[in-house]
Amino acid sequence: MFTSALAFAGVAALINVTPGLDTLLVLRTSVSHGRQAGLAASLGILAGCLVWGFATAVGLTALLTASRVAYDTLRVAGAAYLVWLGASALWRSRRAAAEPEAVDPGPVGGSGPSGWWAAFRAGVGTNLLNPKAGVFYMSLIPQFTPHGASVFTSTLLFTAIDIVELALWYWVVSGAASALSERIRRPAFRRRMEQVSGVAFFGLATNLLAEGGRRTA
C-alpha cells in the first residue's frame, strides 16, 4: 500500500499542477478579490473533490460512464455554469471600465464573509458540475489500488492524498496571484484579468460541450 500511495501521489501531483478549470478559478479569484477569497474558492474545490472521492469509494461515479444520460446531464449543467461565470466576469470588466469606482464582487468573491462564502460556493460548483473530475477519480484510483486491498479504504486514502496535494498547490497559486495583484494595482490589470478569465470560462464550457461529440464518435 505504501508503494502504491507514493506512486499515486507522484502521478496525481503532475495532474494537479497542470492548468485547468479549478486552478483558473483560484487564480482569477485571488487576483480580483484577494488571497482570502482565493483560499475560500480552494476550499470549495477541495470539498467537491472529497464528495467525488467518497462517491468513487461507494461506486456512484461508475454511473458517469455507465449512463450516457447521467454524464450528459452533468456535462451540460457544468457548461451552463461556466458560461454564467464567463459572462459575469466579462460584465464586471465592462462595468469596471465604465464605472471605475463601482464595487461589484460578482458571483465568485469579494471581501468579508459573504464574499468568501460566494467564492466557496463557486469552487464547489465548478468542481461538482465537472464530470471529468468524477471520471478522474474513477479511472485513476483503481489503477493504484493494491490487489486484495479494500477498495473503499484505498479510495479514501488516495482521495486524501490528492486533496492534500491540491491544498498545497492552491496555497501557492493564491499567494502568488494575490501578491501579483498587490504589486500591479492598476484597475486596468484587474479588468484585463476579468476579460481573460471570462473568455477562458467560455472556452472551457465549449470544450466540455464538445465532449459529447467525442464520446459519440
Protein backbone atom coordinates (compact mmCIF):
# COMPACT_ATOMS: atom_id res chain seq x y z
CA MET A 1 0.00 0.00 0.00
CA PHE A 2 2.85 2.40 0.83
CA THR A 3 4.42 1.92 -2.61
CA SER A 4 1.06 2.36 -4.32
CA ALA A 5 0.36 5.52 -2.34
CA LEU A 6 3.72 7.01 -3.35
CA ALA A 7 3.14 6.15 -7.00
CA PHE A 8 -0.34 7.67 -6.91
CA ALA A 9 0.98 10.81 -5.20
CA GLY A 10 3.51 11.32 -7.97
CA VAL A 11 1.02 10.90 -10.81
CA ALA A 12 -1.65 12.99 -9.07
CA ALA A 13 0.86 15.78 -8.44
CA LEU A 14 1.65 16.03 -12.15
CA ILE A 15 -2.04 16.18 -13.00
CA ASN A 16 -2.84 18.68 -10.24
CA VAL A 17 -0.28 21.26 -11.34
CA THR A 18 -1.47 21.10 -14.95
CA PRO A 19 -3.52 24.28 -15.59
CA GLY A 20 -7.22 23.61 -15.63
CA LEU A 21 -10.62 24.93 -14.62
CA ASP A 22 -10.11 24.74 -10.85
CA THR A 23 -6.69 26.40 -10.96
CA LEU A 24 -8.11 29.14 -13.19
CA LEU A 25 -10.87 29.83 -10.68
CA VAL A 26 -8.40 30.11 -7.77
CA LEU A 27 -6.09 32.32 -9.82
CA ARG A 28 -8.83 34.62 -11.01
CA THR A 29 -10.48 34.91 -7.60
CA SER A 30 -7.17 35.64 -5.85
CA VAL A 31 -6.26 38.39 -8.32
CA SER A 32 -9.68 40.01 -8.32
CA HIS A 33 -10.70 39.64 -4.68
CA GLY A 34 -7.58 38.81 -2.65
CA ARG A 35 -6.00 35.72 -1.19
CA GLN A 36 -8.71 35.03 1.39
CA ALA A 37 -11.31 34.76 -1.34
CA GLY A 38 -8.93 32.62 -3.39
CA LEU A 39 -8.44 30.27 -0.46
CA ALA A 40 -12.21 30.13 0.05
CA ALA A 41 -12.62 29.06 -3.58
CA SER A 42 -9.88 26.47 -2.98
CA LEU A 43 -11.77 25.05 0.00
CA GLY A 44 -14.87 24.75 -2.17
CA ILE A 45 -12.90 22.82 -4.78
CA LEU A 46 -11.44 20.53 -2.13
CA ALA A 47 -14.92 19.90 -0.73
CA GLY A 48 -16.01 18.90 -4.22
CA CYS A 49 -13.03 16.54 -4.51
CA LEU A 50 -13.99 14.97 -1.20
CA VAL A 51 -17.50 14.34 -2.50
CA TRP A 52 -16.15 12.81 -5.72
CA GLY A 53 -13.74 10.64 -3.75
CA PHE A 54 -16.48 9.32 -1.48
CA ALA A 55 -18.77 8.74 -4.47
CA THR A 56 -15.99 6.73 -6.10
CA ALA A 57 -15.46 4.72 -2.93
CA VAL A 58 -19.09 3.61 -2.88
CA GLY A 59 -19.28 3.10 -6.65
CA LEU A 60 -21.51 6.03 -7.59
CA THR A 61 -19.12 7.57 -10.11
CA ALA A 62 -19.44 4.45 -12.23
CA LEU A 63 -22.80 5.89 -13.28
CA LEU A 64 -20.98 8.62 -15.22
CA THR A 65 -19.51 6.10 -17.64
CA ALA A 66 -22.31 3.54 -17.47
CA SER A 67 -25.09 6.08 -18.09
CA ARG A 68 -24.85 8.44 -21.05
CA VAL A 69 -27.81 10.41 -19.69
CA ALA A 70 -26.14 10.97 -16.30
CA TYR A 71 -22.87 12.07 -17.90
CA ASP A 72 -24.52 14.39 -20.42
CA THR A 73 -26.81 15.96 -17.82
CA LEU A 74 -23.87 16.82 -15.59
CA ARG A 75 -21.80 17.92 -18.58
CA VAL A 76 -24.44 20.35 -19.88
CA ALA A 77 -25.11 21.71 -16.39
CA GLY A 78 -21.39 22.26 -15.90
CA ALA A 79 -21.06 24.02 -19.26
CA ALA A 80 -24.01 26.28 -18.44
CA TYR A 81 -22.41 27.19 -15.12
CA LEU A 82 -19.12 28.02 -16.85
CA VAL A 83 -20.94 30.22 -19.35
CA TRP A 84 -22.54 32.06 -16.44
CA LEU A 85 -19.15 32.54 -14.78
CA GLY A 86 -17.65 33.76 -18.05
CA ALA A 87 -20.50 36.17 -18.76
CA SER A 88 -20.32 37.51 -15.20
CA ALA A 89 -16.58 38.12 -15.49
CA LEU A 90 -16.94 39.95 -18.81
CA TRP A 91 -19.83 42.01 -17.44
CA ARG A 92 -17.78 43.05 -14.42
CA SER A 93 -14.83 44.05 -16.59
CA ARG A 94 -17.10 46.18 -18.76
CA ARG A 95 -18.81 47.76 -15.78
CA ALA A 96 -15.47 48.49 -14.12
CA ALA A 97 -14.29 50.24 -17.28
CA ALA A 98 -17.40 52.42 -17.35
CA GLU A 99 -17.57 52.99 -13.58
CA PRO A 100 -14.05 52.67 -12.09
CA GLU A 101 -15.34 53.26 -8.58
CA ALA A 102 -18.07 50.69 -8.79
CA VAL A 103 -17.79 47.75 -6.40
CA ASP A 104 -19.19 44.52 -7.73
CA PRO A 105 -17.94 41.35 -6.03
CA GLY A 106 -19.79 39.20 -8.55
CA PRO A 107 -20.60 35.51 -8.09
CA VAL A 108 -17.19 34.30 -7.02
CA GLY A 109 -15.87 36.53 -4.32
CA GLY A 110 -15.40 39.84 -2.60
CA SER A 111 -14.20 40.99 0.77
CA GLY A 112 -15.80 39.83 4.00
CA PRO A 113 -17.59 36.62 4.98
CA SER A 114 -20.30 36.95 2.32
CA GLY A 115 -17.69 37.27 -0.42
CA TRP A 116 -15.71 34.31 0.91
CA TRP A 117 -18.86 32.21 1.07
CA ALA A 118 -19.65 33.14 -2.56
CA ALA A 119 -16.11 32.09 -3.55
CA PHE A 120 -16.52 28.80 -1.66
CA ARG A 121 -19.80 28.08 -3.46
CA ALA A 122 -18.17 28.83 -6.81
CA GLY A 123 -15.40 26.35 -6.01
CA VAL A 124 -17.90 23.64 -5.09
CA GLY A 125 -19.96 24.34 -8.19
CA THR A 126 -17.12 24.27 -10.71
CA ASN A 127 -15.81 21.00 -9.29
CA LEU A 128 -19.04 19.07 -8.78
CA LEU A 129 -20.52 20.15 -12.12
CA ASN A 130 -17.46 18.92 -13.99
CA PRO A 131 -17.94 15.24 -14.89
CA LYS A 132 -14.25 14.99 -15.75
CA ALA A 133 -13.47 15.31 -12.04
CA GLY A 134 -15.54 12.22 -11.27
CA VAL A 135 -14.07 10.29 -14.18
CA PHE A 136 -10.57 11.26 -12.95
CA TYR A 137 -11.13 9.57 -9.60
CA MET A 138 -12.92 6.58 -11.04
CA SER A 139 -10.33 5.90 -13.75
CA LEU A 140 -7.09 6.74 -11.91
CA ILE A 141 -7.53 5.39 -8.40
CA PRO A 142 -8.33 1.76 -9.33
CA GLN A 143 -5.02 1.58 -11.21
CA PHE A 144 -3.14 2.09 -7.93
CA THR A 145 -5.30 0.01 -5.62
CA PRO A 146 -3.22 -2.98 -4.44
CA HIS A 147 -4.56 -6.41 -5.19
CA GLY A 148 -6.63 -7.68 -2.28
CA ALA A 149 -6.83 -4.29 -0.54
CA SER A 150 -10.13 -2.75 0.47
CA VAL A 151 -11.38 -0.62 -2.42
CA PHE A 152 -13.29 1.68 -0.06
CA THR A 153 -10.32 2.30 2.24
CA SER A 154 -7.83 2.65 -0.62
CA THR A 155 -10.05 5.12 -2.45
CA LEU A 156 -10.45 7.31 0.63
CA LEU A 157 -6.69 7.18 1.26
CA PHE A 158 -5.85 8.22 -2.30
CA THR A 159 -8.53 10.91 -2.18
CA ALA A 160 -6.93 12.31 0.98
CA ILE A 161 -3.53 12.35 -0.73
CA ASP A 162 -4.97 14.19 -3.71
CA ILE A 163 -6.73 16.74 -1.52
CA VAL A 164 -3.54 17.47 0.46
CA GLU A 165 -1.59 17.99 -2.75
CA LEU A 166 -4.28 20.26 -4.16
CA ALA A 167 -4.41 22.27 -0.93
CA LEU A 168 -0.66 22.91 -1.14
CA TRP A 169 -0.87 23.80 -4.83
CA TYR A 170 -3.76 26.23 -4.37
CA TRP A 171 -1.98 27.81 -1.40
CA VAL A 172 0.94 28.59 -3.71
CA VAL A 173 -1.30 29.77 -6.57
CA SER A 174 -3.44 32.02 -4.39
CA GLY A 175 -0.38 33.53 -2.70
CA ALA A 176 1.41 34.23 -5.98
CA ALA A 177 -1.71 35.64 -7.64
CA SER A 178 -2.63 37.94 -4.76
CA ALA A 179 0.98 39.15 -4.47
CA LEU A 180 1.00 39.96 -8.18
CA SER A 181 -2.29 41.77 -7.82
CA GLU A 182 -0.92 43.85 -4.94
CA ARG A 183 2.11 44.85 -6.99
CA ILE A 184 0.05 45.70 -10.04
CA ARG A 185 -2.66 47.86 -8.52
CA ARG A 186 -3.83 49.39 -11.78
CA PRO A 187 -7.58 48.86 -12.30
CA ALA A 188 -6.80 48.08 -15.94
CA PHE A 189 -4.86 44.97 -14.85
CA ARG A 190 -7.79 43.56 -12.91
CA ARG A 191 -10.19 44.38 -15.73
CA ARG A 192 -7.91 42.54 -18.14
CA MET A 193 -7.81 39.57 -15.77
CA GLU A 194 -11.61 39.51 -15.72
CA GLN A 195 -11.69 39.59 -19.51
CA VAL A 196 -9.14 36.82 -19.90
CA SER A 197 -10.82 34.60 -17.31
CA GLY A 198 -14.24 35.27 -18.87
CA VAL A 199 -13.04 34.15 -22.29
CA ALA A 200 -11.29 31.16 -20.70
CA PHE A 201 -14.51 30.10 -18.94
CA PHE A 202 -16.33 30.26 -22.28
CA GLY A 203 -13.59 28.15 -23.86
CA LEU A 204 -13.79 25.55 -21.11
CA ALA A 205 -17.58 25.43 -21.47
CA THR A 206 -17.20 24.84 -25.21
CA ASN A 207 -14.68 22.09 -24.58
CA LEU A 208 -16.99 20.45 -22.06
CA LEU A 209 -19.88 20.51 -24.52
CA ALA A 210 -17.61 19.10 -27.22
CA GLU A 211 -17.02 16.07 -25.01
CA GLY A 212 -20.44 14.83 -26.04
CA GLY A 213 -19.45 14.72 -29.69
CA ARG A 214 -16.18 12.95 -28.97
CA ARG A 215 -17.90 10.34 -26.81
CA THR A 216 -20.45 9.73 -29.59
CA ALA A 217 -17.69 9.36 -32.18
